[in-house]
Amino acid sequence: MSMKRSKAKSSGGRQSETDDSSYFAKPKEPEKTWAEHMEGKADTAFVPYAMTTRYAKGQLLQHSKFGKGVVVHVDPQRIEVLFEDGPKKLGHAA
């Protein structure tokens, strides 16, 4: 009686030779630094940060601990704010 062995499956899949989605995608803009975001902005343009407020990308914030910042990414319950010391994730109203 002979036993039949199955072929071992390969662990990786082949990637397509051309990725059409990246070919037609807009080129990404280089991310701005904190200094470039703050250039020419008046102190009156900054709103005080409050967790109960909803924020949009590009909005300028004044945080009590981290200082001045700009919203660079928005999720349903979190925002990523770029401060002089680096990016921080903060909560905001849903």
C-alpha atoms as a PDB file:
ATOM      1  CA  MET A   1       0.000   0.000   0.000  1.00  0.00           C
ATOM      2  CA  SER A   2       1.477   3.369  -0.988  1.00  0.00           C
ATOM      3  CA  MET A   3       0.712   6.691   0.669  1.00  0.00           C
ATOM      4  CA  LYS A   4       0.249   9.766  -1.430  1.00  0.00           C
ATOM      5  CA  ARG A   5       1.898  12.926  -0.166  1.00  0.00           C
ATOM      6  CA  SER A   6       0.448  16.333  -0.842  1.00  0.00           C
ATOM      7  CA  LYS A   7       2.587  19.187  -2.089  1.00  0.00           C
ATOM      8  CA  ALA A   8       3.751  21.708   0.469  1.00  0.00           C
ATOM      9  CA  LYS A   9       2.060  25.056   0.079  1.00  0.00           C
ATOM     10  CA  SER A  10       4.247  28.062  -0.432  1.00  0.00           C
ATOM     11  CA  SER A  11       4.034  30.714   2.261  1.00  0.00           C
ATOM     12  CA  GLY A  12       4.137  33.780   0.042  1.00  0.00           C
ATOM     13  CA  GLY A  13       1.886  34.850  -2.749  1.00  0.00           C
ATOM     14  CA  ARG A  14       3.150  36.382  -5.938  1.00  0.00           C
ATOM     15  CA  GLN A  15       2.772  40.093  -6.245  1.00  0.00           C
ATOM     16  CA  SER A  16       1.429  41.392  -9.489  1.00  0.00           C
ATOM     17  CA  GLU A  17       4.053  42.723 -11.848  1.00  0.00           C
ATOM     18  CA  THR A  18       2.334  46.103 -12.168  1.00  0.00           C
ATOM     19  CA  ASP A  19       0.268  47.829  -9.539  1.00  0.00           C
ATOM     20  CA  ASP A  20      -2.290  49.896 -11.471  1.00  0.00           C
ATOM     21  CA  SER A  21      -3.631  51.651  -8.365  1.00  0.00           C
ATOM     22  CA  SER A  22      -0.260  53.279  -7.569  1.00  0.00           C
ATOM     23  CA  TYR A  23       0.317  54.177 -11.228  1.00  0.00           C
ATOM     24  CA  PHE A  24      -2.821  56.336 -11.405  1.00  0.00           C
ATOM     25  CA  ALA A  25      -2.658  57.667  -7.826  1.00  0.00           C
ATOM     26  CA  LYS A  26      -1.801  61.294  -7.187  1.00  0.00           C
ATOM     27  CA  PRO A  27       1.755  61.751  -5.971  1.00  0.00           C
ATOM     28  CA  LYS A  28       1.867  62.335  -2.240  1.00  0.00           C
ATOM     29  CA  GLU A  29       2.706  65.813  -1.089  1.00  0.00           C
ATOM     30  CA  PRO A  30       5.738  65.982   1.176  1.00  0.00           C
ATOM     31  CA  GLU A  31       4.645  66.448   4.774  1.00  0.00           C
ATOM     32  CA  LYS A  32       5.230  69.902   6.191  1.00  0.00           C
ATOM     33  CA  THR A  33       7.277  70.482   9.290  1.00  0.00           C
ATOM     34  CA  TRP A  34       5.861  72.154  12.396  1.00  0.00           C
ATOM     35  CA  ALA A  35       7.702  75.395  11.532  1.00  0.00           C
ATOM     36  CA  GLU A  36       6.217  75.443   8.020  1.00  0.00           C
ATOM     37  CA  HIS A  37       2.691  75.014   9.446  1.00  0.00           C
ATOM     38  CA  MET A  38       3.205  77.827  11.978  1.00  0.00           C
ATOM     39  CA  GLU A  39       4.768  80.298   9.548  1.00  0.00           C
ATOM     40  CA  GLY A  40       2.713  83.494   9.336  1.00  0.00           C
ATOM     41  CA  LYS A  41      -0.052  82.304  11.708  1.00  0.00           C
ATOM     42  CA  ALA A  42      -1.372  84.830  14.237  1.00  0.00           C
ATOM     43  CA  ASP A  43      -1.965  83.833  17.862  1.00  0.00           C
ATOM     44  CA  THR A  44      -5.682  84.516  17.355  1.00  0.00           C
ATOM     45  CA  ALA A  45      -5.868  81.688  14.771  1.00  0.00           C
ATOM     46  CA  PHE A  46      -5.303  79.035  17.468  1.00  0.00           C
ATOM     47  CA  VAL A  47      -8.270  77.585  19.353  1.00  0.00           C
ATOM     48  CA  PRO A  48      -7.873  76.117  22.848  1.00  0.00           C
ATOM     49  CA  TYR A  49      -7.861  72.304  22.849  1.00  0.00           C
ATOM     50  CA  ALA A  50     -10.838  70.603  24.500  1.00  0.00           C
ATOM     51  CA  MET A  51     -11.595  66.887  24.279  1.00  0.00           C
ATOM     52  CA  THR A  52     -15.320  67.687  23.856  1.00  0.00           C
ATOM     53  CA  THR A  53     -14.726  69.633  20.628  1.00  0.00           C
ATOM     54  CA  ARG A  54     -14.613  68.117  17.130  1.00  0.00           C
ATOM     55  CA  TYR A  55     -11.575  69.052  15.024  1.00  0.00           C
ATOM     56  CA  ALA A  56     -10.782  68.963  11.300  1.00  0.00           C
ATOM     57  CA  LYS A  57      -7.526  68.384   9.420  1.00  0.00           C
ATOM     58  CA  GLY A  58      -5.475  71.563   9.211  1.00  0.00           C
ATOM     59  CA  GLN A  59      -7.060  73.199  12.268  1.00  0.00           C
ATOM     60  CA  LEU A  60      -4.709  75.080  14.586  1.00  0.00           C
ATOM     61  CA  LEU A  61      -4.770  74.219  18.304  1.00  0.00           C
ATOM     62  CA  GLN A  62      -3.341  75.636  21.523  1.00  0.00           C
ATOM     63  CA  HIS A  63      -2.741  72.834  24.039  1.00  0.00           C
ATOM     64  CA  SER A  64      -2.086  73.637  27.706  1.00  0.00           C
ATOM     65  CA  LYS A  65       0.844  71.198  27.964  1.00  0.00           C
ATOM     66  CA  PHE A  66       2.200  70.768  24.407  1.00  0.00           C
ATOM     67  CA  GLY A  67       1.748  74.316  23.083  1.00  0.00           C
ATOM     68  CA  LYS A  68       0.772  75.246  19.545  1.00  0.00           C
ATOM     69  CA  GLY A  69      -0.048  72.520  17.053  1.00  0.00           C
ATOM     70  CA  VAL A  70      -1.849  71.653  13.839  1.00  0.00           C
ATOM     71  CA  VAL A  71      -4.195  68.712  13.182  1.00  0.00           C
ATOM     72  CA  VAL A  72      -2.545  66.454  10.578  1.00  0.00           C
ATOM     73  CA  HIS A  73      -4.823  63.374  10.706  1.00  0.00           C
ATOM     74  CA  VAL A  74      -8.422  62.800  11.855  1.00  0.00           C
ATOM     75  CA  ASP A  75     -10.025  59.515  12.975  1.00  0.00           C
ATOM     76  CA  PRO A  76     -13.557  59.168  14.361  1.00  0.00           C
ATOM     77  CA  GLN A  77     -12.418  59.440  17.992  1.00  0.00           C
ATOM     78  CA  ARG A  78      -8.789  60.602  17.740  1.00  0.00           C
ATOM     79  CA  ILE A  79      -6.759  63.268  16.059  1.00  0.00           C
ATOM     80  CA  GLU A  80      -3.037  63.412  15.402  1.00  0.00           C
ATOM     81  CA  VAL A  81      -1.622  66.830  16.155  1.00  0.00           C
ATOM     82  CA  LEU A  82       1.848  67.967  15.113  1.00  0.00           C
ATOM     83  CA  PHE A  83       3.491  69.952  17.917  1.00  0.00           C
ATOM     84  CA  GLU A  84       6.995  71.422  18.045  1.00  0.00           C
ATOM     85  CA  ASP A  85       8.151  68.380  20.072  1.00  0.00           C
ATOM     86  CA  GLY A  86       6.588  65.935  17.589  1.00  0.00           C
ATOM     87  CA  PRO A  87       3.200  64.375  16.786  1.00  0.00           C
ATOM     88  CA  LYS A  88       0.744  63.454  19.565  1.00  0.00           C
ATOM     89  CA  LYS A  89      -2.536  61.542  19.412  1.00  0.00           C
ATOM     90  CA  LEU A  90      -5.377  63.232  21.254  1.00  0.00           C
ATOM     91  CA  GLY A  91      -9.074  62.466  21.703  1.00  0.00           C
ATOM     92  CA  HIS A  92     -11.880  64.555  20.309  1.00  0.00           C
ATOM     93  CA  ALA A  93     -15.687  64.509  20.192  1.00  0.00           C
ATOM     94  CA  ALA A  94     -17.254  61.757  18.126  1.00  0.00           C
END
